[in-house]
C-alpha atoms as a PDB file:
ATOM      1  CA  MET A   1      -8.951  10.364  -1.801  1.00  0.00           C
ATOM      2  CA  PRO A   2      -8.080  12.486   1.353  1.00  0.00           C
ATOM      3  CA  GLU A   3     -10.303  15.446   2.498  1.00  0.00           C
ATOM      4  CA  GLU A   4     -10.865  18.422   0.352  1.00  0.00           C
ATOM      5  CA  GLU A   5      -8.951  20.680   2.624  1.00  0.00           C
ATOM      6  CA  TYR A   6      -5.495  19.108   3.595  1.00  0.00           C
ATOM      7  CA  ARG A   7      -1.883  20.322   3.608  1.00  0.00           C
ATOM      8  CA  TRP A   8       0.642  18.952   1.231  1.00  0.00           C
ATOM      9  CA  LEU A   9       4.125  18.489   2.414  1.00  0.00           C
ATOM     10  CA  PRO A  10       6.541  21.497   1.436  1.00  0.00           C
ATOM     11  CA  ARG A  11       8.411  20.632  -1.645  1.00  0.00           C
ATOM     12  CA  GLY A  12      11.703  21.861  -0.077  1.00  0.00           C
ATOM     13  CA  GLU A  13      11.303  19.194   2.616  1.00  0.00           C
ATOM     14  CA  LEU A  14      11.089  16.345   0.182  1.00  0.00           C
ATOM     15  CA  LEU A  15      14.001  13.744   0.152  1.00  0.00           C
ATOM     16  CA  SER A  16      15.898  13.873  -3.028  1.00  0.00           C
ATOM     17  CA  PHE A  17      16.601  10.530  -4.887  1.00  0.00           C
ATOM     18  CA  GLU A  18      20.203  10.756  -3.609  1.00  0.00           C
ATOM     19  CA  GLU A  19      18.865  10.933  -0.009  1.00  0.00           C
ATOM     20  CA  ILE A  20      16.476   8.199  -0.610  1.00  0.00           C
ATOM     21  CA  GLY A  21      19.259   6.154  -1.776  1.00  0.00           C
ATOM     22  CA  GLN A  22      21.394   6.839   1.145  1.00  0.00           C
ATOM     23  CA  LEU A  23      18.612   5.852   3.498  1.00  0.00           C
ATOM     24  CA  VAL A  24      17.979   2.717   1.517  1.00  0.00           C
ATOM     25  CA  ASP A  25      21.538   1.794   1.825  1.00  0.00           C
ATOM     26  CA  ALA A  26      21.435   2.227   5.623  1.00  0.00           C
ATOM     27  CA  PHE A  27      18.170   0.042   5.655  1.00  0.00           C
ATOM     28  CA  ILE A  28      20.155  -2.710   3.489  1.00  0.00           C
ATOM     29  CA  GLU A  29      22.857  -2.809   6.076  1.00  0.00           C
ATOM     30  CA  LEU A  30      20.217  -3.959   8.426  1.00  0.00           C
ATOM     31  CA  GLY A  31      19.022  -6.942   6.137  1.00  0.00           C
ATOM     32  CA  VAL A  32      16.211  -4.968   4.105  1.00  0.00           C
ATOM     33  CA  ASP A  33      16.005  -6.610   0.500  1.00  0.00           C
ATOM     34  CA  ARG A  34      12.598  -5.287  -0.679  1.00  0.00           C
ATOM     35  CA  VAL A  35      11.441  -1.886  -1.219  1.00  0.00           C
ATOM     36  CA  ARG A  36       7.958  -0.564  -2.380  1.00  0.00           C
ATOM     37  CA  LEU A  37       7.319   2.820  -3.742  1.00  0.00           C
ATOM     38  CA  THR A  38       3.999   3.935  -2.774  1.00  0.00           C
ATOM     39  CA  GLY A  39       2.037   7.171  -1.421  1.00  0.00           C
ATOM     40  CA  GLY A  40      -0.087   8.939  -2.142  1.00  0.00           C
ATOM     41  CA  GLU A  41       0.532   8.428  -5.870  1.00  0.00           C
ATOM     42  CA  PRO A  42       3.996   7.890  -6.700  1.00  0.00           C
ATOM     43  CA  LEU A  43       3.584   8.381 -10.265  1.00  0.00           C
ATOM     44  CA  LEU A  44       3.076  11.982  -9.571  1.00  0.00           C
ATOM     45  CA  ARG A  45       6.855  12.243  -8.535  1.00  0.00           C
ATOM     46  CA  ARG A  46       8.815  13.691 -11.418  1.00  0.00           C
ATOM     47  CA  GLY A  47      11.580  11.399 -12.953  1.00  0.00           C
ATOM     48  CA  LEU A  48      10.379   8.205 -10.880  1.00  0.00           C
ATOM     49  CA  PRO A  49      11.835   5.766 -13.382  1.00  0.00           C
ATOM     50  CA  ASP A  50      15.400   7.489 -12.551  1.00  0.00           C
ATOM     51  CA  LEU A  51      14.741   6.426  -8.823  1.00  0.00           C
ATOM     52  CA  VAL A  52      13.817   2.832  -9.810  1.00  0.00           C
ATOM     53  CA  ALA A  53      17.019   2.746 -11.968  1.00  0.00           C
ATOM     54  CA  GLN A  54      19.110   3.989  -9.132  1.00  0.00           C
ATOM     55  CA  LEU A  55      17.774   1.506  -6.590  1.00  0.00           C
ATOM     56  CA  ARG A  56      18.060  -1.315  -9.022  1.00  0.00           C
ATOM     57  CA  GLN A  57      21.831  -0.804  -9.123  1.00  0.00           C
ATOM     58  CA  ARG A  58      21.784  -1.866  -5.452  1.00  0.00           C
ATOM     59  CA  SER A  59      22.378  -5.742  -5.760  1.00  0.00           C
ATOM     60  CA  ALA A  60      21.193  -6.384  -2.415  1.00  0.00           C
ATOM     61  CA  LEU A  61      17.723  -5.439  -3.300  1.00  0.00           C
ATOM     62  CA  ARG A  62      16.038  -8.585  -4.559  1.00  0.00           C
ATOM     63  CA  ASP A  63      12.532  -6.815  -5.268  1.00  0.00           C
ATOM     64  CA  ILE A  64      11.360  -3.417  -6.034  1.00  0.00           C
ATOM     65  CA  ALA A  65       7.782  -2.796  -6.144  1.00  0.00           C
ATOM     66  CA  LEU A  66       5.234  -0.003  -6.542  1.00  0.00           C
ATOM     67  CA  THR A  67       1.592   0.820  -5.655  1.00  0.00           C
ATOM     68  CA  THR A  68      -0.408   3.229  -7.900  1.00  0.00           C
ATOM     69  CA  ASN A  69      -4.084   4.320  -8.710  1.00  0.00           C
ATOM     70  CA  GLY A  70      -3.068   3.646 -12.469  1.00  0.00           C
ATOM     71  CA  LEU A  71      -4.171   7.037 -13.597  1.00  0.00           C
ATOM     72  CA  LYS A  72      -0.752   7.684 -15.242  1.00  0.00           C
ATOM     73  CA  LEU A  73       0.503   4.238 -15.505  1.00  0.00           C
ATOM     74  CA  ALA A  74      -0.250   3.683 -19.240  1.00  0.00           C
ATOM     75  CA  ASP A  75       2.390   6.274 -20.101  1.00  0.00           C
ATOM     76  CA  GLN A  76       5.072   5.226 -17.653  1.00  0.00           C
ATOM     77  CA  ALA A  77       4.755   1.408 -17.283  1.00  0.00           C
ATOM     78  CA  LEU A  78       7.212   0.496 -19.976  1.00  0.00           C
ATOM     79  CA  GLU A  79       9.607   2.800 -18.653  1.00  0.00           C
ATOM     80  CA  LEU A  80       9.497   1.684 -15.326  1.00  0.00           C
ATOM     81  CA  ARG A  81       9.919  -1.939 -16.292  1.00  0.00           C
ATOM     82  CA  ARG A  82      13.051  -1.108 -18.314  1.00  0.00           C
ATOM     83  CA  ALA A  83      14.171   0.796 -15.312  1.00  0.00           C
ATOM     84  CA  GLY A  84      14.131  -2.386 -13.403  1.00  0.00           C
ATOM     85  CA  LEU A  85      10.765  -2.255 -11.434  1.00  0.00           C
ATOM     86  CA  ASP A  86       9.698  -5.886 -10.740  1.00  0.00           C
ATOM     87  CA  ARG A  87       6.250  -5.907  -9.481  1.00  0.00           C
ATOM     88  CA  ILE A  88       3.283  -3.553  -9.510  1.00  0.00           C
ATOM     89  CA  THR A  89      -0.060  -3.275  -7.592  1.00  0.00           C
ATOM     90  CA  ILE A  90      -2.867  -1.112  -8.875  1.00  0.00           C
ATOM     91  CA  SER A  91      -5.529   0.077  -6.733  1.00  0.00           C
ATOM     92  CA  LEU A  92      -9.020  -0.311  -8.170  1.00  0.00           C
ATOM     93  CA  ASP A  93     -12.293   0.089  -5.939  1.00  0.00           C
ATOM     94  CA  SER A  94     -15.017  -0.188  -8.608  1.00  0.00           C
ATOM     95  CA  LEU A  95     -15.467  -0.947 -12.257  1.00  0.00           C
ATOM     96  CA  ARG A  96     -18.485   1.424 -12.382  1.00  0.00           C
ATOM     97  CA  PRO A  97     -17.886   4.991 -13.554  1.00  0.00           C
ATOM     98  CA  GLU A  98     -20.269   6.643 -11.012  1.00  0.00           C
ATOM     99  CA  ARG A  99     -18.894   4.629  -8.018  1.00  0.00           C
ATOM    100  CA  TYR A 100     -15.334   5.322  -9.208  1.00  0.00           C
ATOM    101  CA  HIS A 101     -15.906   9.152  -9.392  1.00  0.00           C
ATOM    102  CA  ALA A 102     -17.613   9.061  -5.952  1.00  0.00           C
ATOM    103  CA  LEU A 103     -14.635   7.190  -4.381  1.00  0.00           C
ATOM    104  CA  THR A 104     -11.795   9.158  -6.107  1.00  0.00           C
ATOM    105  CA  ARG A 105     -13.437  12.624  -6.899  1.00  0.00           C
ATOM    106  CA  ARG A 106     -12.220  11.972 -10.712  1.00  0.00           C
ATOM    107  CA  ASP A 107     -13.558  10.693 -13.901  1.00  0.00           C
ATOM    108  CA  GLY A 108     -10.561   8.590 -14.275  1.00  0.00           C
ATOM    109  CA  LEU A 109     -11.871   4.935 -14.605  1.00  0.00           C
ATOM    110  CA  GLN A 110     -10.845   4.689 -18.280  1.00  0.00           C
ATOM    111  CA  SER A 111      -7.594   5.861 -17.716  1.00  0.00           C
ATOM    112  CA  ALA A 112      -6.924   3.399 -14.747  1.00  0.00           C
ATOM    113  CA  LEU A 113      -8.194   0.585 -16.768  1.00  0.00           C
ATOM    114  CA  GLU A 114      -5.844   1.563 -19.622  1.00  0.00           C
ATOM    115  CA  GLY A 115      -2.929   1.623 -17.128  1.00  0.00           C
ATOM    116  CA  ILE A 116      -4.137  -1.777 -15.988  1.00  0.00           C
ATOM    117  CA  ARG A 117      -4.136  -3.135 -19.657  1.00  0.00           C
ATOM    118  CA  VAL A 118      -0.584  -1.672 -20.402  1.00  0.00           C
ATOM    119  CA  ALA A 119       0.967  -3.093 -17.053  1.00  0.00           C
ATOM    120  CA  SER A 120      -0.298  -6.458 -17.788  1.00  0.00           C
ATOM    121  CA  GLU A 121       1.481  -6.407 -21.121  1.00  0.00           C
ATOM    122  CA  VAL A 122       5.082  -4.931 -20.487  1.00  0.00           C
ATOM    123  CA  GLY A 123       6.464  -7.955 -18.710  1.00  0.00           C
ATOM    124  CA  PHE A 124       6.407  -7.172 -14.818  1.00  0.00           C
ATOM    125  CA  LYS A 125       7.118 -10.221 -12.710  1.00  0.00           C
ATOM    126  CA  SER A 126       3.667  -9.611 -11.070  1.00  0.00           C
ATOM    127  CA  VAL A 127       0.668  -7.452 -11.427  1.00  0.00           C
ATOM    128  CA  LYS A 128      -1.845  -7.307  -8.795  1.00  0.00           C
ATOM    129  CA  LEU A 129      -5.098  -5.508  -8.257  1.00  0.00           C
ATOM    130  CA  ASN A 130      -6.079  -4.172  -4.779  1.00  0.00           C
ATOM    131  CA  THR A 131      -9.792  -3.582  -3.908  1.00  0.00           C
ATOM    132  CA  VAL A 132     -10.790  -2.027  -0.546  1.00  0.00           C
ATOM    133  CA  VAL A 133     -14.199  -3.658   0.123  1.00  0.00           C
ATOM    134  CA  LEU A 134     -16.906  -0.973   1.600  1.00  0.00           C
ATOM    135  CA  ARG A 135     -20.265  -2.033   2.758  1.00  0.00           C
ATOM    136  CA  GLY A 136     -23.001  -0.649   0.820  1.00  0.00           C
ATOM    137  CA  THR A 137     -20.509   0.981  -1.790  1.00  0.00           C
ATOM    138  CA  ASN A 138     -18.765  -1.701  -3.747  1.00  0.00           C
ATOM    139  CA  ASP A 139     -19.437  -4.999  -1.849  1.00  0.00           C
ATOM    140  CA  ASP A 140     -21.718  -6.161  -4.628  1.00  0.00           C
ATOM    141  CA  GLU A 141     -18.784  -5.986  -7.149  1.00  0.00           C
ATOM    142  CA  LEU A 142     -16.738  -8.705  -5.774  1.00  0.00           C
ATOM    143  CA  PRO A 143     -17.257 -11.338  -8.534  1.00  0.00           C
ATOM    144  CA  GLU A 144     -17.275  -8.576 -11.159  1.00  0.00           C
ATOM    145  CA  LEU A 145     -13.855  -7.378  -9.975  1.00  0.00           C
ATOM    146  CA  LEU A 146     -12.434 -10.830  -9.655  1.00  0.00           C
ATOM    147  CA  ASP A 147     -13.427 -11.821 -13.086  1.00  0.00           C
ATOM    148  CA  PHE A 148     -12.133  -8.566 -14.618  1.00  0.00           C
ATOM    149  CA  ALA A 149      -8.796  -9.259 -12.903  1.00  0.00           C
ATOM    150  CA  ARG A 150      -8.634 -12.756 -14.259  1.00  0.00           C
ATOM    151  CA  ALA A 151      -9.320 -11.711 -17.619  1.00  0.00           C
ATOM    152  CA  GLN A 152      -6.477  -9.528 -17.508  1.00  0.00           C
ATOM    153  CA  GLY A 153      -4.121 -12.330 -16.261  1.00  0.00           C
ATOM    154  CA  ILE A 154      -3.640 -10.406 -12.708  1.00  0.00           C
ATOM    155  CA  GLU A 155      -4.164 -11.448  -9.351  1.00  0.00           C
ATOM    156  CA  PRO A 156      -7.039  -9.447  -7.395  1.00  0.00           C
ATOM    157  CA  ARG A 157      -6.763  -8.893  -3.615  1.00  0.00           C
ATOM    158  CA  PHE A 158      -9.716  -7.688  -1.465  1.00  0.00           C
ATOM    159  CA  VAL A 159      -8.716  -5.444   1.453  1.00  0.00           C
ATOM    160  CA  GLU A 160     -10.649  -4.948   4.481  1.00  0.00           C
ATOM    161  CA  TYR A 161     -11.578  -1.325   5.162  1.00  0.00           C
ATOM    162  CA  MET A 162      -8.998   0.308   7.501  1.00  0.00           C
ATOM    163  CA  ASP A 163      -9.491   3.137  10.026  1.00  0.00           C
ATOM    164  CA  VAL A 164      -6.110   4.709   9.366  1.00  0.00           C
ATOM    165  CA  GLY A 165      -5.519   8.326   8.606  1.00  0.00           C
ATOM    166  CA  GLY A 166      -7.738   9.987   6.135  1.00  0.00           C
ATOM    167  CA  ALA A 167     -10.470   7.505   6.570  1.00  0.00           C
ATOM    168  CA  THR A 168     -12.630  10.029   8.626  1.00  0.00           C
ATOM    169  CA  LYS A 169     -15.938   8.448   7.839  1.00  0.00           C
ATOM    170  CA  TRP A 170     -14.763   4.922   8.857  1.00  0.00           C
ATOM    171  CA  SER A 171     -17.266   2.856  10.825  1.00  0.00           C
ATOM    172  CA  ARG A 172     -17.221  -0.619  11.839  1.00  0.00           C
ATOM    173  CA  ASP A 173     -20.501  -1.192   9.976  1.00  0.00           C
ATOM    174  CA  ASP A 174     -18.834  -0.530   6.729  1.00  0.00           C
ATOM    175  CA  VAL A 175     -16.203  -3.075   7.023  1.00  0.00           C
ATOM    176  CA  VAL A 176     -16.854  -6.365   5.214  1.00  0.00           C
ATOM    177  CA  SER A 177     -14.672  -8.950   6.933  1.00  0.00           C
ATOM    178  CA  ARG A 178     -12.509 -11.707   5.272  1.00  0.00           C
ATOM    179  CA  SER A 179     -15.067 -14.453   6.536  1.00  0.00           C
ATOM    180  CA  GLU A 180     -17.905 -12.475   4.768  1.00  0.00           C
ATOM    181  CA  ILE A 181     -15.843 -11.890   1.656  1.00  0.00           C
ATOM    182  CA  LEU A 182     -15.179 -15.472   1.272  1.00  0.00           C
ATOM    183  CA  GLU A 183     -18.847 -16.483   2.062  1.00  0.00           C
ATOM    184  CA  ARG A 184     -20.055 -14.213  -0.897  1.00  0.00           C
ATOM    185  CA  LEU A 185     -17.556 -15.528  -3.272  1.00  0.00           C
ATOM    186  CA  GLU A 186     -18.318 -19.084  -2.376  1.00  0.00           C
ATOM    187  CA  ALA A 187     -21.848 -18.341  -3.081  1.00  0.00           C
ATOM    188  CA  HIS A 188     -21.009 -17.095  -6.629  1.00  0.00           C
ATOM    189  CA  TYR A 189     -18.190 -19.635  -7.580  1.00  0.00           C
ATOM    190  CA  GLY A 190     -18.313 -22.657  -5.353  1.00  0.00           C
ATOM    191  CA  PRO A 191     -16.005 -23.944  -2.773  1.00  0.00           C
ATOM    192  CA  ILE A 192     -12.783 -22.072  -2.265  1.00  0.00           C
ATOM    193  CA  LYS A 193      -9.466 -23.364  -0.971  1.00  0.00           C
ATOM    194  CA  SER A 194      -6.816 -21.831   1.025  1.00  0.00           C
ATOM    195  CA  ALA A 195      -3.648 -21.515  -1.187  1.00  0.00           C
ATOM    196  CA  GLY A 196      -1.268 -21.220   1.843  1.00  0.00           C
ATOM    197  CA  GLY A 197      -2.760 -22.905   4.795  1.00  0.00           C
ATOM    198  CA  ASP A 198      -3.650 -20.918   7.854  1.00  0.00           C
ATOM    199  CA  ALA A 199      -0.192 -19.238   8.430  1.00  0.00           C
ATOM    200  CA  VAL A 200       0.429 -15.896   6.823  1.00  0.00           C
ATOM    201  CA  PRO A 201       3.947 -15.440   5.655  1.00  0.00           C
ATOM    202  CA  SER A 202       5.590 -12.386   7.477  1.00  0.00           C
ATOM    203  CA  SER A 203       6.355 -10.871   3.912  1.00  0.00           C
ATOM    204  CA  ALA A 204       2.847 -11.262   2.635  1.00  0.00           C
ATOM    205  CA  PRO A 205      -0.072  -9.590   4.256  1.00  0.00           C
ATOM    206  CA  ALA A 206      -2.566 -11.078   1.895  1.00  0.00           C
ATOM    207  CA  ARG A 207      -3.845 -14.590   2.720  1.00  0.00           C
ATOM    208  CA  PRO A 208      -4.042 -16.478  -0.725  1.00  0.00           C
ATOM    209  CA  TYR A 209      -6.929 -18.442  -2.008  1.00  0.00           C
ATOM    210  CA  HIS A 210      -7.990 -20.627  -5.150  1.00  0.00           C
ATOM    211  CA  LEU A 211     -11.389 -20.695  -6.804  1.00  0.00           C
ATOM    212  CA  PRO A 212     -12.487 -24.155  -8.090  1.00  0.00           C
ATOM    213  CA  ASP A 213     -10.947 -23.357 -11.417  1.00  0.00           C
ATOM    214  CA  GLY A 214      -7.497 -22.478  -9.912  1.00  0.00           C
ATOM    215  CA  THR A 215      -7.978 -18.911 -10.074  1.00  0.00           C
ATOM    216  CA  ARG A 216      -5.766 -17.291  -7.382  1.00  0.00           C
ATOM    217  CA  PHE A 217      -6.854 -14.277  -5.379  1.00  0.00           C
ATOM    218  CA  GLY A 218      -5.882 -12.693  -1.909  1.00  0.00           C
ATOM    219  CA  ILE A 219      -7.707 -11.101   1.043  1.00  0.00           C
ATOM    220  CA  ILE A 220      -5.905  -8.603   3.409  1.00  0.00           C
ATOM    221  CA  ALA A 221      -7.875  -9.035   6.823  1.00  0.00           C
ATOM    222  CA  SER A 222      -5.834  -6.358   8.761  1.00  0.00           C
ATOM    223  CA  THR A 223      -8.837  -4.828  10.433  1.00  0.00           C
ATOM    224  CA  THR A 224     -10.485  -7.824  11.830  1.00  0.00           C
ATOM    225  CA  GLN A 225      -7.651 -10.356  11.972  1.00  0.00           C
ATOM    226  CA  PRO A 226      -4.511  -8.165  12.325  1.00  0.00           C
ATOM    227  CA  PHE A 227      -0.913  -9.762  11.997  1.00  0.00           C
ATOM    228  CA  CYS A 228       1.143  -7.318  13.923  1.00  0.00           C
ATOM    229  CA  GLY A 229       3.256 -10.024  15.373  1.00  0.00           C
ATOM    230  CA  SER A 230       4.530 -11.159  11.802  1.00  0.00           C
ATOM    231  CA  CYS A 231       4.722  -7.592  10.324  1.00  0.00           C
ATOM    232  CA  ASP A 232       8.162  -6.967   8.931  1.00  0.00           C
ATOM    233  CA  ARG A 233       7.408  -3.536   7.228  1.00  0.00           C
ATOM    234  CA  SER A 234       8.000   0.116   7.907  1.00  0.00           C
ATOM    235  CA  ARG A 235       7.434   3.209   6.026  1.00  0.00           C
ATOM    236  CA  LEU A 236       9.641   6.155   5.052  1.00  0.00           C
ATOM    237  CA  THR A 237       7.634   9.518   4.013  1.00  0.00           C
ATOM    238  CA  ALA A 238       8.679  11.563   1.343  1.00  0.00           C
ATOM    239  CA  ASP A 239      10.028  14.119   3.616  1.00  0.00           C
ATOM    240  CA  GLY A 240      12.059  11.507   5.745  1.00  0.00           C
ATOM    241  CA  ASN A 241       9.935  10.562   8.586  1.00  0.00           C
ATOM    242  CA  TRP A 242      10.049   6.867   9.418  1.00  0.00           C
ATOM    243  CA  TYR A 243       7.169   4.963  10.851  1.00  0.00           C
ATOM    244  CA  THR A 244       7.323   1.418  12.170  1.00  0.00           C
ATOM    245  CA  CYS A 245       3.542   0.884  12.288  1.00  0.00           C
ATOM    246  CA  LEU A 246       0.640   2.153   9.976  1.00  0.00           C
ATOM    247  CA  TYR A 247      -1.285   3.278  13.055  1.00  0.00           C
ATOM    248  CA  ALA A 248       1.745   5.132  14.621  1.00  0.00           C
ATOM    249  CA  ARG A 249       0.888   8.681  15.752  1.00  0.00           C
ATOM    250  CA  ASN A 250       4.645   9.782  15.300  1.00  0.00           C
ATOM    251  CA  GLY A 251       7.566   8.837  13.101  1.00  0.00           C
ATOM    252  CA  GLN A 252      11.157   9.405  13.563  1.00  0.00           C
ATOM    253  CA  ASP A 253      12.844  12.170  11.604  1.00  0.00           C
ATOM    254  CA  LEU A 254      15.678  10.855   9.592  1.00  0.00           C
ATOM    255  CA  ARG A 255      16.003  13.983   7.254  1.00  0.00           C
ATOM    256  CA  THR A 256      17.383  16.275   9.916  1.00  0.00           C
ATOM    257  CA  PRO A 257      20.318  13.952  10.877  1.00  0.00           C
ATOM    258  CA  LEU A 258      20.869  13.081   6.989  1.00  0.00           C
ATOM    259  CA  ARG A 259      21.157  16.646   5.857  1.00  0.00           C
ATOM    260  CA  GLY A 260      23.171  17.348   9.061  1.00  0.00           C
ATOM    261  CA  GLY A 261      25.979  14.978   7.810  1.00  0.00           C
ATOM    262  CA  VAL A 262      25.503  11.971  10.014  1.00  0.00           C
ATOM    263  CA  SER A 263      27.595   9.146   8.699  1.00  0.00           C
ATOM    264  CA  HIS A 264      26.227   5.824   7.149  1.00  0.00           C
ATOM    265  CA  GLU A 265      27.261   3.937  10.154  1.00  0.00           C
ATOM    266  CA  GLU A 266      25.711   6.332  12.510  1.00  0.00           C
ATOM    267  CA  MET A 267      22.308   6.158  10.577  1.00  0.00           C
ATOM    268  CA  VAL A 268      22.411   2.472  10.618  1.00  0.00           C
ATOM    269  CA  GLU A 269      22.665   2.468  14.574  1.00  0.00           C
ATOM    270  CA  VAL A 270      19.774   4.911  14.534  1.00  0.00           C
ATOM    271  CA  LEU A 271      17.826   2.569  12.609  1.00  0.00           C
ATOM    272  CA  ARG A 272      18.721  -0.439  14.526  1.00  0.00           C
ATOM    273  CA  ALA A 273      17.890   1.049  17.786  1.00  0.00           C
ATOM    274  CA  ARG A 274      14.306   2.033  16.811  1.00  0.00           C
ATOM    275  CA  TRP A 275      13.703  -1.262  15.053  1.00  0.00           C
ATOM    276  CA  THR A 276      14.980  -3.553  17.729  1.00  0.00           C
ATOM    277  CA  GLY A 277      13.047  -1.457  20.507  1.00  0.00           C
ATOM    278  CA  ARG A 278       9.769  -1.124  18.719  1.00  0.00           C
ATOM    279  CA  ASP A 279       6.645  -2.605  20.390  1.00  0.00           C
ATOM    280  CA  ASP A 280       4.042  -1.715  17.588  1.00  0.00           C
ATOM    281  CA  ARG A 281       0.624  -3.483  17.799  1.00  0.00           C
ATOM    282  CA  GLY A 282      -1.286  -0.733  16.234  1.00  0.00           C
ATOM    283  CA  ALA A 283      -3.959  -2.734  14.537  1.00  0.00           C
ATOM    284  CA  GLU A 284      -4.252  -5.405  17.443  1.00  0.00           C
ATOM    285  CA  ARG A 285      -4.789  -2.393  19.926  1.00  0.00           C
ATOM    286  CA  ARG A 286      -7.392  -0.961  17.716  1.00  0.00           C
ATOM    287  CA  LEU A 287      -9.216  -4.315  17.360  1.00  0.00           C
ATOM    288  CA  GLY A 288      -9.466  -4.344  21.345  1.00  0.00           C
ATOM    289  CA  LEU A 289     -11.071  -0.824  21.515  1.00  0.00           C
ATOM    290  CA  ALA A 290     -14.665  -1.067  22.867  1.00  0.00           C
ATOM    291  CA  SER A 291     -15.599   2.121  21.023  1.00  0.00           C
ATOM    292  CA  ARG A 292     -13.641   2.218  17.760  1.00  0.00           C
ATOM    293  CA  ASN A 293     -13.787   5.435  15.864  1.00  0.00           C
ATOM    294  CA  PRO A 294     -11.467   6.842  12.970  1.00  0.00           C
ATOM    295  CA  LEU A 295      -7.930   7.292  13.960  1.00  0.00           C
ATOM    296  CA  ALA A 296      -7.827  11.000  13.048  1.00  0.00           C
ATOM    297  CA  GLN A 297     -10.608  13.620  12.389  1.00  0.00           C
ATOM    298  CA  VAL A 298     -10.369  16.250   9.753  1.00  0.00           C
ATOM    299  CA  ASP A 299      -8.975  19.076  12.054  1.00  0.00           C
ATOM    300  CA  GLU A 300      -6.139  16.806  13.038  1.00  0.00           C
ATOM    301  CA  LEU A 301      -5.320  15.686   9.605  1.00  0.00           C
ATOM    302  CA  GLN A 302      -5.142  19.555   8.541  1.00  0.00           C
ATOM    303  CA  GLY A 303      -2.764  20.155  11.424  1.00  0.00           C
ATOM    304  CA  ASP A 304      -0.580  17.041  10.750  1.00  0.00           C
ATOM    305  CA  PRO A 305      -0.185  16.012   7.161  1.00  0.00           C
ATOM    306  CA  HIS A 306       1.735  13.063   8.461  1.00  0.00           C
ATOM    307  CA  LEU A 307      -1.364  11.340   9.859  1.00  0.00           C
ATOM    308  CA  GLU A 308      -2.607  11.170   6.062  1.00  0.00           C
ATOM    309  CA  MET A 309      -2.270   7.887   4.341  1.00  0.00           C
ATOM    310  CA  HIS A 310      -1.265   9.808   1.264  1.00  0.00           C
ATOM    311  CA  THR A 311       1.692  11.102   3.104  1.00  0.00           C
ATOM    312  CA  ARG A 312       2.873   7.857   4.840  1.00  0.00           C
ATOM    313  CA  GLY A 313       1.845   5.261   2.479  1.00  0.00           C
ATOM    314  CA  GLY A 314      -0.233   2.112   2.333  1.00  0.00           C
END
């Protein structure tokens, strides 16, 4: 969760579903065929299944996914699936109530677990569980979380702790690397095999692995082994700022020209120029810093809510 004191984006500045659709159409023109709804918490957006249904009408989109903390998922999972949502990723960093509360500032573990249970039953093409691993906080739960996901019939993925906006207490010492995660899991389960070789597909930041019994899991090592060179993702905030890198300080305002009446063709050219001219290597550059501190401090986050991960999305 973000800091206690932070700024929400003004409601009047949020894109309408129609405006989101217009921008998606422009992205589709340039070859985008996958959309993920994330946040923050997307299930807080009123009428979200309606947005999914509108996006589903675009035949060029071959995949519509969503990332959620699961707290409101039990009540919405079936409606989202019927609206056309293909895949879902649920964030869960602990199975222990006291730890869950410390990490989320909420007593919501049972609601999250119920959301996971329902999601695994309503027919999504894929359900995955994301766990950010923090040394001294939840790194002793790796087998427990993996076994839980396996029992639910969903794929677990372990994520290295990233120094992105909102992680104001980030430290190198808190990062549990991919190699260490694998060592710990091998000590518990036995030999682990890579499920996809050494190459990481551009569309999949998680490197896949198999346990001896065939159970599949993934690790996202974007902190210690960044994959900027193969990244094919960008992020559109709820108020229309477009970021071509998770670590970018500034985005490009698309809402103003959109509401100013720019044509579809003109918007496509705006996107084309920014994408083809980008030189983002945020994670690689962070890796090379001799002294690596959190990307933003509390006062910066309070001054610019776009630096927050709950604004620009994961």
